[in-house]
PDB file of N, CA and C in Angstrom:
ATOM      1  N   MET A   1      57.176  71.311 125.696  1.00  0.00           N
ATOM      2  CA  MET A   1      56.762  70.370 124.686  1.00  0.00           C
ATOM      3  C   MET A   1      55.494  70.826 123.959  1.00  0.00           C
ATOM      4  N   LYS A   2      54.460  71.382 124.791  1.00  0.00           N
ATOM      5  CA  LYS A   2      53.276  71.892 124.281  1.00  0.00           C
ATOM      6  C   LYS A   2      53.586  73.000 123.340  1.00  0.00           C
ATOM      7  N   SER A   3      54.363  73.918 123.692  1.00  0.00           N
ATOM      8  CA  SER A   3      54.686  75.042 122.856  1.00  0.00           C
ATOM      9  C   SER A   3      55.308  74.613 121.484  1.00  0.00           C
ATOM     10  N   VAL A   4      56.196  73.622 121.579  1.00  0.00           N
ATOM     11  CA  VAL A   4      56.797  73.115 120.288  1.00  0.00           C
ATOM     12  C   VAL A   4      55.719  72.544 119.429  1.00  0.00           C
ATOM     13  N   MET A   5      54.822  71.753 119.968  1.00  0.00           N
ATOM     14  CA  MET A   5      53.726  71.105 119.158  1.00  0.00           C
ATOM     15  C   MET A   5      52.841  72.252 118.661  1.00  0.00           C
ATOM     16  N   LEU A   6      52.490  73.255 119.332  1.00  0.00           N
ATOM     17  CA  LEU A   6      51.759  74.330 118.949  1.00  0.00           C
ATOM     18  C   LEU A   6      52.349  75.095 117.832  1.00  0.00           C
ATOM     19  N   SER A   7      53.706  75.361 117.947  1.00  0.00           N
ATOM     20  CA  SER A   7      54.475  75.986 116.932  1.00  0.00           C
ATOM     21  C   SER A   7      54.486  75.234 115.613  1.00  0.00           C
ATOM     22  N   VAL A   8      54.576  73.974 115.654  1.00  0.00           N
ATOM     23  CA  VAL A   8      54.607  73.071 114.472  1.00  0.00           C
ATOM     24  C   VAL A   8      53.257  73.136 113.766  1.00  0.00           C
ATOM     25  N   LEU A   9      52.195  73.067 114.657  1.00  0.00           N
ATOM     26  CA  LEU A   9      50.789  73.073 114.109  1.00  0.00           C
ATOM     27  C   LEU A   9      50.454  74.459 113.453  1.00  0.00           C
ATOM     28  N   LEU A  10      50.831  75.538 114.072  1.00  0.00           N
ATOM     29  CA  LEU A  10      50.621  76.892 113.531  1.00  0.00           C
ATOM     30  C   LEU A  10      51.478  77.064 112.199  1.00  0.00           C
ATOM     31  N   SER A  11      52.715  76.617 112.192  1.00  0.00           N
ATOM     32  CA  SER A  11      53.420  76.766 111.000  1.00  0.00           C
ATOM     33  C   SER A  11      52.856  75.941 109.902  1.00  0.00           C
ATOM     34  N   THR A  12      52.369  74.730 110.144  1.00  0.00           N
ATOM     35  CA  THR A  12      51.660  74.007 109.163  1.00  0.00           C
ATOM     36  C   THR A  12      50.496  74.654 108.567  1.00  0.00           C
ATOM     37  N   LEU A  13      49.680  75.348 109.447  1.00  0.00           N
ATOM     38  CA  LEU A  13      48.560  76.047 108.870  1.00  0.00           C
ATOM     39  C   LEU A  13      48.936  77.217 107.938  1.00  0.00           C
ATOM     40  N   PHE A  14      50.007  77.966 108.426  1.00  0.00           N
ATOM     41  CA  PHE A  14      50.517  79.194 107.632  1.00  0.00           C
ATOM     42  C   PHE A  14      51.079  78.646 106.290  1.00  0.00           C
ATOM     43  N   ILE A  15      51.787  77.447 106.339  1.00  0.00           N
ATOM     44  CA  ILE A  15      52.338  77.044 105.076  1.00  0.00           C
ATOM     45  C   ILE A  15      51.190  76.576 104.066  1.00  0.00           C
ATOM     46  N   GLY A  16      50.211  76.144 104.589  1.00  0.00           N
ATOM     47  CA  GLY A  16      48.972  75.770 103.653  1.00  0.00           C
ATOM     48  C   GLY A  16      48.456  77.005 103.121  1.00  0.00           C
ATOM     49  N   GLN A  17      48.303  78.073 103.947  1.00  0.00           N
ATOM     50  CA  GLN A  17      47.626  79.271 103.477  1.00  0.00           C
ATOM     51  C   GLN A  17      48.697  79.965 102.523  1.00  0.00           C
ATOM     52  N   ASP A  18      49.964  80.077 102.715  1.00  0.00           N
ATOM     53  CA  ASP A  18      50.926  80.644 101.821  1.00  0.00           C
ATOM     54  C   ASP A  18      50.794  79.963 100.461  1.00  0.00           C
ATOM     55  N   PHE A  19      50.684  78.591 100.569  1.00  0.00           N
ATOM     56  CA  PHE A  19      50.758  77.781  99.321  1.00  0.00           C
ATOM     57  C   PHE A  19      49.553  78.172  98.377  1.00  0.00           C
ATOM     58  N   SER A  20      48.390  78.267  98.932  1.00  0.00           N
ATOM     59  CA  SER A  20      47.262  78.640  98.104  1.00  0.00           C
ATOM     60  C   SER A  20      47.348  80.131  97.743  1.00  0.00           C
ATOM     61  N   LEU A  21      47.777  80.923  98.517  1.00  0.00           N
ATOM     62  CA  LEU A  21      47.992  82.411  98.151  1.00  0.00           C
ATOM     63  C   LEU A  21      48.982  82.531  97.026  1.00  0.00           C
ATOM     64  N   SER A  22      50.079  81.784  97.117  1.00  0.00           N
ATOM     65  CA  SER A  22      51.013  81.893  96.023  1.00  0.00           C
ATOM     66  C   SER A  22      50.526  81.354  94.664  1.00  0.00           C
ATOM     67  N   GLU A  23      49.612  80.362  94.739  1.00  0.00           N
ATOM     68  CA  GLU A  23      48.988  79.878  93.544  1.00  0.00           C
ATOM     69  C   GLU A  23      48.014  80.902  92.957  1.00  0.00           C
ATOM     70  N   ILE A  24      47.233  81.666  93.948  1.00  0.00           N
ATOM     71  CA  ILE A  24      46.367  82.664  93.507  1.00  0.00           C
ATOM     72  C   ILE A  24      47.076  83.816  92.922  1.00  0.00           C
ATOM     73  N   THR A  25      48.168  84.250  93.488  1.00  0.00           N
ATOM     74  CA  THR A  25      48.912  85.376  92.917  1.00  0.00           C
ATOM     75  C   THR A  25      49.557  85.063  91.677  1.00  0.00           C
ATOM     76  N   ASP A  26      49.901  83.858  91.447  1.00  0.00           N
ATOM     77  CA  ASP A  26      50.493  83.342  90.221  1.00  0.00           C
ATOM     78  C   ASP A  26      49.437  83.323  89.130  1.00  0.00           C
ATOM     79  N   ALA A  27      48.228  83.021  89.360  1.00  0.00           N
ATOM     80  CA  ALA A  27      47.092  82.885  88.461  1.00  0.00           C
ATOM     81  C   ALA A  27      46.696  84.322  88.076  1.00  0.00           C
ATOM     82  N   LEU A  28      46.785  85.315  89.055  1.00  0.00           N
ATOM     83  CA  LEU A  28      46.697  86.800  88.739  1.00  0.00           C
ATOM     84  C   LEU A  28      47.619  87.207  87.772  1.00  0.00           C
ATOM     85  N   ALA A  29      48.920  86.914  88.055  1.00  0.00           N
ATOM     86  CA  ALA A  29      49.993  87.437  87.195  1.00  0.00           C
ATOM     87  C   ALA A  29      49.821  86.873  85.679  1.00  0.00           C
ATOM     88  N   LYS A  30      49.330  85.697  85.493  1.00  0.00           N
ATOM     89  CA  LYS A  30      49.242  85.042  84.228  1.00  0.00           C
ATOM     90  C   LYS A  30      47.871  85.308  83.656  1.00  0.00           C
ATOM     91  N   GLY A  31      46.956  86.054  84.381  1.00  0.00           N
ATOM     92  CA  GLY A  31      45.587  86.298  83.845  1.00  0.00           C
ATOM     93  C   GLY A  31      44.869  84.957  83.580  1.00  0.00           C
ATOM     94  N   ASN A  32      45.069  84.065  84.449  1.00  0.00           N
ATOM     95  CA  ASN A  32      44.468  82.727  84.339  1.00  0.00           C
ATOM     96  C   ASN A  32      43.134  82.676  85.141  1.00  0.00           C
ATOM     97  N   ALA A  33      41.938  83.133  84.712  1.00  0.00           N
ATOM     98  CA  ALA A  33      40.685  83.187  85.273  1.00  0.00           C
ATOM     99  C   ALA A  33      40.235  81.712  85.814  1.00  0.00           C
ATOM    100  N   GLU A  34      40.531  80.846  84.968  1.00  0.00           N
ATOM    101  CA  GLU A  34      40.038  79.498  85.259  1.00  0.00           C
ATOM    102  C   GLU A  34      40.742  79.042  86.576  1.00  0.00           C
ATOM    103  N   LYS A  35      42.160  79.137  86.761  1.00  0.00           N
ATOM    104  CA  LYS A  35      42.799  78.713  87.783  1.00  0.00           C
ATOM    105  C   LYS A  35      42.381  79.527  89.058  1.00  0.00           C
ATOM    106  N   LEU A  36      42.178  80.871  88.871  1.00  0.00           N
ATOM    107  CA  LEU A  36      41.740  81.642  89.908  1.00  0.00           C
ATOM    108  C   LEU A  36      40.371  81.277  90.495  1.00  0.00           C
ATOM    109  N   SER A  37      39.472  80.758  89.595  1.00  0.00           N
ATOM    110  CA  SER A  37      38.081  80.463  89.907  1.00  0.00           C
ATOM    111  C   SER A  37      38.080  79.195  90.773  1.00  0.00           C
ATOM    112  N   GLN A  38      39.089  78.325  90.755  1.00  0.00           N
ATOM    113  CA  GLN A  38      39.188  77.245  91.641  1.00  0.00           C
ATOM    114  C   GLN A  38      39.242  77.522  93.010  1.00  0.00           C
ATOM    115  N   TYR A  39      39.567  78.754  93.408  1.00  0.00           N
ATOM    116  CA  TYR A  39      39.691  79.255  94.847  1.00  0.00           C
ATOM    117  C   TYR A  39      38.442  80.087  95.188  1.00  0.00           C
ATOM    118  N   PHE A  40      37.545  80.271  94.257  1.00  0.00           N
ATOM    119  CA  PHE A  40      36.392  81.096  94.532  1.00  0.00           C
ATOM    120  C   PHE A  40      35.425  80.351  95.575  1.00  0.00           C
ATOM    121  N   ASP A  41      34.745  81.183  96.470  1.00  0.00           N
ATOM    122  CA  ASP A  41      33.734  80.744  97.218  1.00  0.00           C
ATOM    123  C   ASP A  41      32.509  80.578  96.260  1.00  0.00           C
ATOM    124  N   GLN A  42      31.385  80.083  96.703  1.00  0.00           N
ATOM    125  CA  GLN A  42      30.232  79.898  95.969  1.00  0.00           C
ATOM    126  C   GLN A  42      29.718  81.327  95.407  1.00  0.00           C
ATOM    127  N   ASN A  43      29.875  82.320  96.277  1.00  0.00           N
ATOM    128  CA  ASN A  43      29.665  83.740  95.849  1.00  0.00           C
ATOM    129  C   ASN A  43      30.792  84.572  96.154  1.00  0.00           C
ATOM    130  N   VAL A  44      31.244  85.393  95.230  1.00  0.00           N
ATOM    131  CA  VAL A  44      32.482  86.221  95.173  1.00  0.00           C
ATOM    132  C   VAL A  44      32.022  87.609  94.879  1.00  0.00           C
ATOM    133  N   GLU A  45      32.636  88.514  95.712  1.00  0.00           N
ATOM    134  CA  GLU A  45      32.359  89.965  95.398  1.00  0.00           C
ATOM    135  C   GLU A  45      33.577  90.477  94.652  1.00  0.00           C
ATOM    136  N   ILE A  46      33.283  90.972  93.445  1.00  0.00           N
ATOM    137  CA  ILE A  46      34.347  91.550  92.587  1.00  0.00           C
ATOM    138  C   ILE A  46      34.058  93.004  92.300  1.00  0.00           C
ATOM    139  N   THR A  47      35.058  93.827  92.589  1.00  0.00           N
ATOM    140  CA  THR A  47      35.068  95.269  92.243  1.00  0.00           C
ATOM    141  C   THR A  47      36.170  95.554  91.181  1.00  0.00           C
ATOM    142  N   ILE A  48      35.697  96.107  90.211  1.00  0.00           N
ATOM    143  CA  ILE A  48      36.649  96.535  89.046  1.00  0.00           C
ATOM    144  C   ILE A  48      36.301  98.015  88.808  1.00  0.00           C
ATOM    145  N   LEU A  49      37.419  98.900  89.024  1.00  0.00           N
ATOM    146  CA  LEU A  49      37.290 100.307  88.805  1.00  0.00           C
ATOM    147  C   LEU A  49      36.032 100.869  89.410  1.00  0.00           C
ATOM    148  N   ASP A  50      35.980 100.650  90.803  1.00  0.00           N
ATOM    149  CA  ASP A  50      34.909 101.278  91.599  1.00  0.00           C
ATOM    150  C   ASP A  50      33.420 100.644  91.217  1.00  0.00           C
ATOM    151  N   ARG A  51      33.323  99.714  90.392  1.00  0.00           N
ATOM    152  CA  ARG A  51      32.040  99.059  90.109  1.00  0.00           C
ATOM    153  C   ARG A  51      32.074  97.652  90.550  1.00  0.00           C
ATOM    154  N   GLY A  52      31.297  97.291  91.538  1.00  0.00           N
ATOM    155  CA  GLY A  52      31.376  96.050  92.220  1.00  0.00           C
ATOM    156  C   GLY A  52      29.938  95.337  92.279  1.00  0.00           C
ATOM    157  N   ASN A  53      30.119  94.116  92.364  1.00  0.00           N
ATOM    158  CA  ASN A  53      28.881  93.282  92.496  1.00  0.00           C
ATOM    159  C   ASN A  53      29.275  91.877  93.084  1.00  0.00           C
ATOM    160  N   LYS A  54      28.291  91.235  93.608  1.00  0.00           N
ATOM    161  CA  LYS A  54      28.414  89.855  94.129  1.00  0.00           C
ATOM    162  C   LYS A  54      28.015  88.928  92.976  1.00  0.00           C
ATOM    163  N   PHE A  55      28.866  87.950  92.635  1.00  0.00           N
ATOM    164  CA  PHE A  55      28.672  86.986  91.528  1.00  0.00           C
ATOM    165  C   PHE A  55      28.774  85.558  92.067  1.00  0.00           C
ATOM    166  N   THR A  56      27.976  84.718  91.320  1.00  0.00           N
ATOM    167  CA  THR A  56      28.248  83.248  91.495  1.00  0.00           C
ATOM    168  C   THR A  56      29.644  82.871  91.105  1.00  0.00           C
ATOM    169  N   LYS A  57      30.083  81.812  91.451  1.00  0.00           N
ATOM    170  CA  LYS A  57      31.530  81.285  91.086  1.00  0.00           C
ATOM    171  C   LYS A  57      31.649  81.379  89.570  1.00  0.00           C
ATOM    172  N   ASP A  58      30.749  80.721  88.814  1.00  0.00           N
ATOM    173  CA  ASP A  58      30.855  80.761  87.273  1.00  0.00           C
ATOM    174  C   ASP A  58      30.826  82.200  86.674  1.00  0.00           C
ATOM    175  N   LYS A  59      29.883  83.044  87.199  1.00  0.00           N
ATOM    176  CA  LYS A  59      29.791  84.428  86.599  1.00  0.00           C
ATOM    177  C   LYS A  59      31.048  85.125  86.990  1.00  0.00           C
ATOM    178  N   ALA A  60      31.566  84.954  88.167  1.00  0.00           N
ATOM    179  CA  ALA A  60      32.843  85.705  88.608  1.00  0.00           C
ATOM    180  C   ALA A  60      33.967  85.326  87.685  1.00  0.00           C
ATOM    181  N   SER A  61      34.011  84.016  87.273  1.00  0.00           N
ATOM    182  CA  SER A  61      35.085  83.604  86.419  1.00  0.00           C
ATOM    183  C   SER A  61      34.917  84.316  84.998  1.00  0.00           C
ATOM    184  N   SER A  62      33.732  84.370  84.554  1.00  0.00           N
ATOM    185  CA  SER A  62      33.526  85.131  83.302  1.00  0.00           C
ATOM    186  C   SER A  62      33.798  86.532  83.336  1.00  0.00           C
ATOM    187  N   VAL A  63      33.562  87.262  84.475  1.00  0.00           N
ATOM    188  CA  VAL A  63      33.930  88.624  84.691  1.00  0.00           C
ATOM    189  C   VAL A  63      35.450  88.807  84.645  1.00  0.00           C
ATOM    190  N   LEU A  64      36.129  87.925  85.261  1.00  0.00           N
ATOM    191  CA  LEU A  64      37.584  87.974  85.342  1.00  0.00           C
ATOM    192  C   LEU A  64      38.157  87.823  83.915  1.00  0.00           C
ATOM    193  N   LYS A  65      37.623  86.894  83.170  1.00  0.00           N
ATOM    194  CA  LYS A  65      38.080  86.677  81.778  1.00  0.00           C
ATOM    195  C   LYS A  65      37.918  87.848  80.936  1.00  0.00           C
ATOM    196  N   ASP A  66      36.812  88.501  81.108  1.00  0.00           N
ATOM    197  CA  ASP A  66      36.607  89.722  80.401  1.00  0.00           C
ATOM    198  C   ASP A  66      37.669  90.809  80.768  1.00  0.00           C
ATOM    199  N   PHE A  67      37.872  90.972  82.159  1.00  0.00           N
ATOM    200  CA  PHE A  67      38.841  91.971  82.636  1.00  0.00           C
ATOM    201  C   PHE A  67      40.240  91.662  82.150  1.00  0.00           C
ATOM    202  N   PHE A  68      40.645  90.326  82.108  1.00  0.00           N
ATOM    203  CA  PHE A  68      41.940  89.953  81.671  1.00  0.00           C
ATOM    204  C   PHE A  68      42.106  90.201  80.121  1.00  0.00           C
ATOM    205  N   ALA A  69      40.979  90.105  79.418  1.00  0.00           N
ATOM    206  CA  ALA A  69      41.059  90.210  77.967  1.00  0.00           C
ATOM    207  C   ALA A  69      41.292  91.708  77.650  1.00  0.00           C
ATOM    208  N   ASN A  70      40.600  92.556  78.555  1.00  0.00           N
ATOM    209  CA  ASN A  70      40.750  94.054  78.352  1.00  0.00           C
ATOM    210  C   ASN A  70      42.096  94.657  78.869  1.00  0.00           C
ATOM    211  N   TYR A  71      42.573  93.970  79.843  1.00  0.00           N
ATOM    212  CA  TYR A  71      43.885  94.354  80.534  1.00  0.00           C
ATOM    213  C   TYR A  71      44.719  93.161  80.782  1.00  0.00           C
ATOM    214  N   PRO A  72      45.515  92.771  79.637  1.00  0.00           N
ATOM    215  CA  PRO A  72      46.261  91.540  79.718  1.00  0.00           C
ATOM    216  C   PRO A  72      47.516  91.786  80.865  1.00  0.00           C
ATOM    217  N   PRO A  73      47.537  90.948  81.905  1.00  0.00           N
ATOM    218  CA  PRO A  73      48.499  91.009  82.878  1.00  0.00           C
ATOM    219  C   PRO A  73      49.833  90.788  82.360  1.00  0.00           C
ATOM    220  N   GLN A  74      50.867  91.498  83.031  1.00  0.00           N
ATOM    221  CA  GLN A  74      52.277  91.152  82.797  1.00  0.00           C
ATOM    222  C   GLN A  74      52.864  90.725  84.053  1.00  0.00           C
ATOM    223  N   THR A  75      52.660  91.340  85.155  1.00  0.00           N
ATOM    224  CA  THR A  75      53.218  90.930  86.517  1.00  0.00           C
ATOM    225  C   THR A  75      52.224  91.172  87.603  1.00  0.00           C
ATOM    226  N   PHE A  76      52.475  90.460  88.669  1.00  0.00           N
ATOM    227  CA  PHE A  76      51.769  90.779  89.930  1.00  0.00           C
ATOM    228  C   PHE A  76      52.913  90.774  91.018  1.00  0.00           C
ATOM    229  N   SER A  77      52.936  91.848  91.831  1.00  0.00           N
ATOM    230  CA  SER A  77      53.869  91.924  92.896  1.00  0.00           C
ATOM    231  C   SER A  77      53.030  92.169  94.192  1.00  0.00           C
ATOM    232  N   GLN A  78      53.230  91.226  95.118  1.00  0.00           N
ATOM    233  CA  GLN A  78      52.712  91.289  96.408  1.00  0.00           C
ATOM    234  C   GLN A  78      53.355  92.378  97.318  1.00  0.00           C
ATOM    235  N   MET A  79      52.407  93.156  97.843  1.00  0.00           N
ATOM    236  CA  MET A  79      52.942  94.342  98.682  1.00  0.00           C
ATOM    237  C   MET A  79      52.715  94.042 100.167  1.00  0.00           C
ATOM    238  N   HIS A  80      51.574  93.519 100.602  1.00  0.00           N
ATOM    239  CA  HIS A  80      51.209  93.221 101.961  1.00  0.00           C
ATOM    240  C   HIS A  80      50.441  91.978 101.991  1.00  0.00           C
ATOM    241  N   GLN A  81      50.407  91.380 103.212  1.00  0.00           N
ATOM    242  CA  GLN A  81      49.786  90.107 103.467  1.00  0.00           C
ATOM    243  C   GLN A  81      49.536  89.990 104.960  1.00  0.00           C
ATOM    244  N   GLY A  82      48.386  89.435 105.405  1.00  0.00           N
ATOM    245  CA  GLY A  82      48.103  89.252 106.738  1.00  0.00           C
ATOM    246  C   GLY A  82      47.190  88.181 107.029  1.00  0.00           C
ATOM    247  N   VAL A  83      46.999  87.864 108.363  1.00  0.00           N
ATOM    248  CA  VAL A  83      45.984  86.843 108.725  1.00  0.00           C
ATOM    249  C   VAL A  83      45.333  87.490 109.889  1.00  0.00           C
ATOM    250  N   SER A  84      43.963  87.185 109.839  1.00  0.00           N
ATOM    251  CA  SER A  84      43.077  87.640 110.987  1.00  0.00           C
ATOM    252  C   SER A  84      43.491  87.114 112.368  1.00  0.00           C
ATOM    253  N   LYS A  85      43.174  87.765 113.350  1.00  0.00           N
ATOM    254  CA  LYS A  85      43.510  87.374 114.734  1.00  0.00           C
ATOM    255  C   LYS A  85      43.051  85.971 115.041  1.00  0.00           C
ATOM    256  N   GLY A  86      41.888  85.636 114.547  1.00  0.00           N
ATOM    257  CA  GLY A  86      41.334  84.255 114.725  1.00  0.00           C
ATOM    258  C   GLY A  86      41.869  83.271 113.727  1.00  0.00           C
ATOM    259  N   GLN A  87      42.799  83.691 112.777  1.00  0.00           N
ATOM    260  CA  GLN A  87      43.240  82.950 111.781  1.00  0.00           C
ATOM    261  C   GLN A  87      42.256  82.224 110.896  1.00  0.00           C
ATOM    262  N   ASP A  88      41.129  82.818 110.724  1.00  0.00           N
ATOM    263  CA  ASP A  88      40.119  82.209 109.821  1.00  0.00           C
ATOM    264  C   ASP A  88      39.928  82.950 108.546  1.00  0.00           C
ATOM    265  N   SER A  89      40.745  84.098 108.351  1.00  0.00           N
ATOM    266  CA  SER A  89      40.702  84.799 107.114  1.00  0.00           C
ATOM    267  C   SER A  89      42.104  85.363 106.944  1.00  0.00           C
ATOM    268  N   GLN A  90      42.312  85.765 105.620  1.00  0.00           N
ATOM    269  CA  GLN A  90      43.633  86.159 105.216  1.00  0.00           C
ATOM    270  C   GLN A  90      43.466  87.230 104.074  1.00  0.00           C
ATOM    271  N   TYR A  91      44.384  88.090 103.973  1.00  0.00           N
ATOM    272  CA  TYR A  91      44.289  89.169 102.897  1.00  0.00           C
ATOM    273  C   TYR A  91      45.646  89.221 102.280  1.00  0.00           C
ATOM    274  N   CYS A  92      45.538  89.779 101.006  1.00  0.00           N
ATOM    275  CA  CYS A  92      46.780  90.192 100.319  1.00  0.00           C
ATOM    276  C   CYS A  92      46.528  91.357  99.377  1.00  0.00           C
ATOM    277  N   ILE A  93      47.467  92.244  99.447  1.00  0.00           N
ATOM    278  CA  ILE A  93      47.331  93.499  98.640  1.00  0.00           C
ATOM    279  C   ILE A  93      48.603  93.496  97.720  1.00  0.00           C
ATOM    280  N   GLY A  94      48.370  93.837  96.465  1.00  0.00           N
ATOM    281  CA  GLY A  94      49.579  93.789  95.571  1.00  0.00           C
ATOM    282  C   GLY A  94      49.185  94.728  94.347  1.00  0.00           C
ATOM    283  N   ASN A  95      50.101  94.786  93.455  1.00  0.00           N
ATOM    284  CA  ASN A  95      50.003  95.548  92.225  1.00  0.00           C
ATOM    285  C   ASN A  95      50.047  94.617  91.005  1.00  0.00           C
ATOM    286  N   LEU A  96      49.009  94.853  90.258  1.00  0.00           N
ATOM    287  CA  LEU A  96      48.956  94.045  89.006  1.00  0.00           C
ATOM    288  C   LEU A  96      49.279  94.969  87.812  1.00  0.00           C
ATOM    289  N   THR A  97      50.444  94.644  87.153  1.00  0.00           N
ATOM    290  CA  THR A  97      50.698  95.482  86.022  1.00  0.00           C
ATOM    291  C   THR A  97      50.231  94.880  84.729  1.00  0.00           C
ATOM    292  N   THR A  98      49.471  95.577  83.942  1.00  0.00           N
ATOM    293  CA  THR A  98      48.955  95.154  82.729  1.00  0.00           C
ATOM    294  C   THR A  98      49.627  95.865  81.553  1.00  0.00           C
ATOM    295  N   SER A  99      49.188  95.488  80.340  1.00  0.00           N
ATOM    296  CA  SER A  99      49.805  96.091  79.138  1.00  0.00           C
ATOM    297  C   SER A  99      49.569  97.612  79.163  1.00  0.00           C
ATOM    298  N   SER A 100      48.485  98.062  79.832  1.00  0.00           N
ATOM    299  CA  SER A 100      48.036  99.521  79.714  1.00  0.00           C
ATOM    300  C   SER A 100      47.992 100.314  81.000  1.00  0.00           C
ATOM    301  N   SER A 101      47.827  99.637  82.105  1.00  0.00           N
ATOM    302  CA  SER A 101      47.711 100.176  83.502  1.00  0.00           C
ATOM    303  C   SER A 101      48.335  99.326  84.574  1.00  0.00           C
ATOM    304  N   THR A 102      48.267  99.928  85.746  1.00  0.00           N
ATOM    305  CA  THR A 102      48.659  99.226  86.955  1.00  0.00           C
ATOM    306  C   THR A 102      47.412  99.331  87.833  1.00  0.00           C
ATOM    307  N   PHE A 103      47.064  98.231  88.541  1.00  0.00           N
ATOM    308  CA  PHE A 103      45.985  98.133  89.417  1.00  0.00           C
ATOM    309  C   PHE A 103      46.409  97.708  90.740  1.00  0.00           C
ATOM    310  N   ARG A 104      45.867  98.251  91.805  1.00  0.00           N
ATOM    311  CA  ARG A 104      45.993  97.898  93.057  1.00  0.00           C
ATOM    312  C   ARG A 104      44.990  96.671  93.376  1.00  0.00           C
ATOM    313  N   VAL A 105      45.343  95.541  93.787  1.00  0.00           N
ATOM    314  CA  VAL A 105      44.502  94.391  93.854  1.00  0.00           C
ATOM    315  C   VAL A 105      44.456  94.042  95.354  1.00  0.00           C
ATOM    316  N   TYR A 106      43.286  93.841  95.704  1.00  0.00           N
ATOM    317  CA  TYR A 106      43.002  93.444  97.251  1.00  0.00           C
ATOM    318  C   TYR A 106      42.288  92.055  97.118  1.00  0.00           C
ATOM    319  N   ILE A 107      42.846  91.000  97.778  1.00  0.00           N
ATOM    320  CA  ILE A 107      42.340  89.699  97.865  1.00  0.00           C
ATOM    321  C   ILE A 107      42.009  89.406  99.261  1.00  0.00           C
ATOM    322  N   TYR A 108      40.689  88.955  99.498  1.00  0.00           N
ATOM    323  CA  TYR A 108      40.268  88.598 100.878  1.00  0.00           C
ATOM    324  C   TYR A 108      39.897  87.069 100.726  1.00  0.00           C
ATOM    325  N   LEU A 109      40.475  86.256 101.678  1.00  0.00           N
ATOM    326  CA  LEU A 109      40.285  84.853 101.622  1.00  0.00           C
ATOM    327  C   LEU A 109      39.680  84.461 103.030  1.00  0.00           C
ATOM    328  N   LYS A 110      38.864  83.504 103.046  1.00  0.00           N
ATOM    329  CA  LYS A 110      38.235  82.962 104.142  1.00  0.00           C
ATOM    330  C   LYS A 110      38.506  81.446 104.305  1.00  0.00           C
ATOM    331  N   SER A 111      38.690  80.883 105.452  1.00  0.00           N
ATOM    332  CA  SER A 111      39.028  79.424 105.676  1.00  0.00           C
ATOM    333  C   SER A 111      37.692  78.753 105.529  1.00  0.00           C
ATOM    334  N   ARG A 112      37.610  77.676 104.741  1.00  0.00           N
ATOM    335  CA  ARG A 112      36.472  76.843 104.647  1.00  0.00           C
ATOM    336  C   ARG A 112      37.102  75.374 104.809  1.00  0.00           C
ATOM    337  N   GLY A 113      37.037  74.895 106.157  1.00  0.00           N
ATOM    338  CA  GLY A 113      37.648  73.639 106.419  1.00  0.00           C
ATOM    339  C   GLY A 113      39.049  73.668 106.312  1.00  0.00           C
ATOM    340  N   SER A 114      39.685  72.894 105.478  1.00  0.00           N
ATOM    341  CA  SER A 114      41.170  72.860 105.281  1.00  0.00           C
ATOM    342  C   SER A 114      41.611  73.772 104.057  1.00  0.00           C
ATOM    343  N   GLN A 115      40.687  74.430 103.516  1.00  0.00           N
ATOM    344  CA  GLN A 115      41.101  75.192 102.238  1.00  0.00           C
ATOM    345  C   GLN A 115      40.629  76.747 102.380  1.00  0.00           C
ATOM    346  N   ASN A 116      41.418  77.555 101.808  1.00  0.00           N
ATOM    347  CA  ASN A 116      41.064  78.988 101.697  1.00  0.00           C
ATOM    348  C   ASN A 116      40.184  79.290 100.415  1.00  0.00           C
ATOM    349  N   VAL A 117      39.234  80.151 100.630  1.00  0.00           N
ATOM    350  CA  VAL A 117      38.409  80.451  99.384  1.00  0.00           C
ATOM    351  C   VAL A 117      38.413  81.963  99.316  1.00  0.00           C
ATOM    352  N   ILE A 118      38.373  82.446  98.071  1.00  0.00           N
ATOM    353  CA  ILE A 118      38.310  83.807  97.823  1.00  0.00           C
ATOM    354  C   ILE A 118      36.910  84.332  97.980  1.00  0.00           C
ATOM    355  N   LYS A 119      36.682  85.359  98.843  1.00  0.00           N
ATOM    356  CA  LYS A 119      35.450  85.917  99.093  1.00  0.00           C
ATOM    357  C   LYS A 119      35.354  87.208  98.358  1.00  0.00           C
ATOM    358  N   GLU A 120      36.482  87.906  98.186  1.00  0.00           N
ATOM    359  CA  GLU A 120      36.373  89.231  97.524  1.00  0.00           C
ATOM    360  C   GLU A 120      37.711  89.507  96.799  1.00  0.00           C
ATOM    361  N   LEU A 121      37.524  90.175  95.525  1.00  0.00           N
ATOM    362  CA  LEU A 121      38.658  90.595  94.838  1.00  0.00           C
ATOM    363  C   LEU A 121      38.389  92.053  94.400  1.00  0.00           C
ATOM    364  N   ARG A 122      39.288  93.020  94.563  1.00  0.00           N
ATOM    365  CA  ARG A 122      39.165  94.370  94.081  1.00  0.00           C
ATOM    366  C   ARG A 122      40.384  94.750  93.230  1.00  0.00           C
ATOM    367  N   PHE A 123      39.947  95.494  92.175  1.00  0.00           N
ATOM    368  CA  PHE A 123      40.950  95.925  91.216  1.00  0.00           C
ATOM    369  C   PHE A 123      40.700  97.483  91.087  1.00  0.00           C
ATOM    370  N   ASN A 124      41.640  98.311  91.612  1.00  0.00           N
ATOM    371  CA  ASN A 124      41.452  99.771  91.588  1.00  0.00           C
ATOM    372  C   ASN A 124      42.699 100.264  90.853  1.00  0.00           C
ATOM    373  N   LYS A 125      42.428 101.110  89.878  1.00  0.00           N
ATOM    374  CA  LYS A 125      43.542 101.735  89.060  1.00  0.00           C
ATOM    375  C   LYS A 125      44.407 102.555  89.952  1.00  0.00           C
ATOM    376  N   GLU A 126      45.715 102.495  89.713  1.00  0.00           N
ATOM    377  CA  GLU A 126      46.715 103.280  90.475  1.00  0.00           C
ATOM    378  C   GLU A 126      46.829 104.595  89.797  1.00  0.00           C
TER     379      GLU A 126
END
């Protein structure tokens, strides 16, 4: 009985994580910086083409708007996904195809209460 309840609890946790991750990857595919910024932590590390910095939530949204303006997204395909051993963080790696290039995207999320927040985004040209 305990193992059944534990399985249900863990599957509920993973469903919630997958749901926010699917919304995040959908926002990436559409180049929707505003939707993406809803998942940002108060400070977010963003690296674009080997140039990175830590930004406030508002500034990070502005940086992504500029990136999406220069590289309009066409599709995002998720390649890998995982959860930390303690289940307090999650990552996703995928390819963002734009009108002129393809980028390998790394997304690092951390649990904050019942919500996952983006702590880091990296865009490296393939």
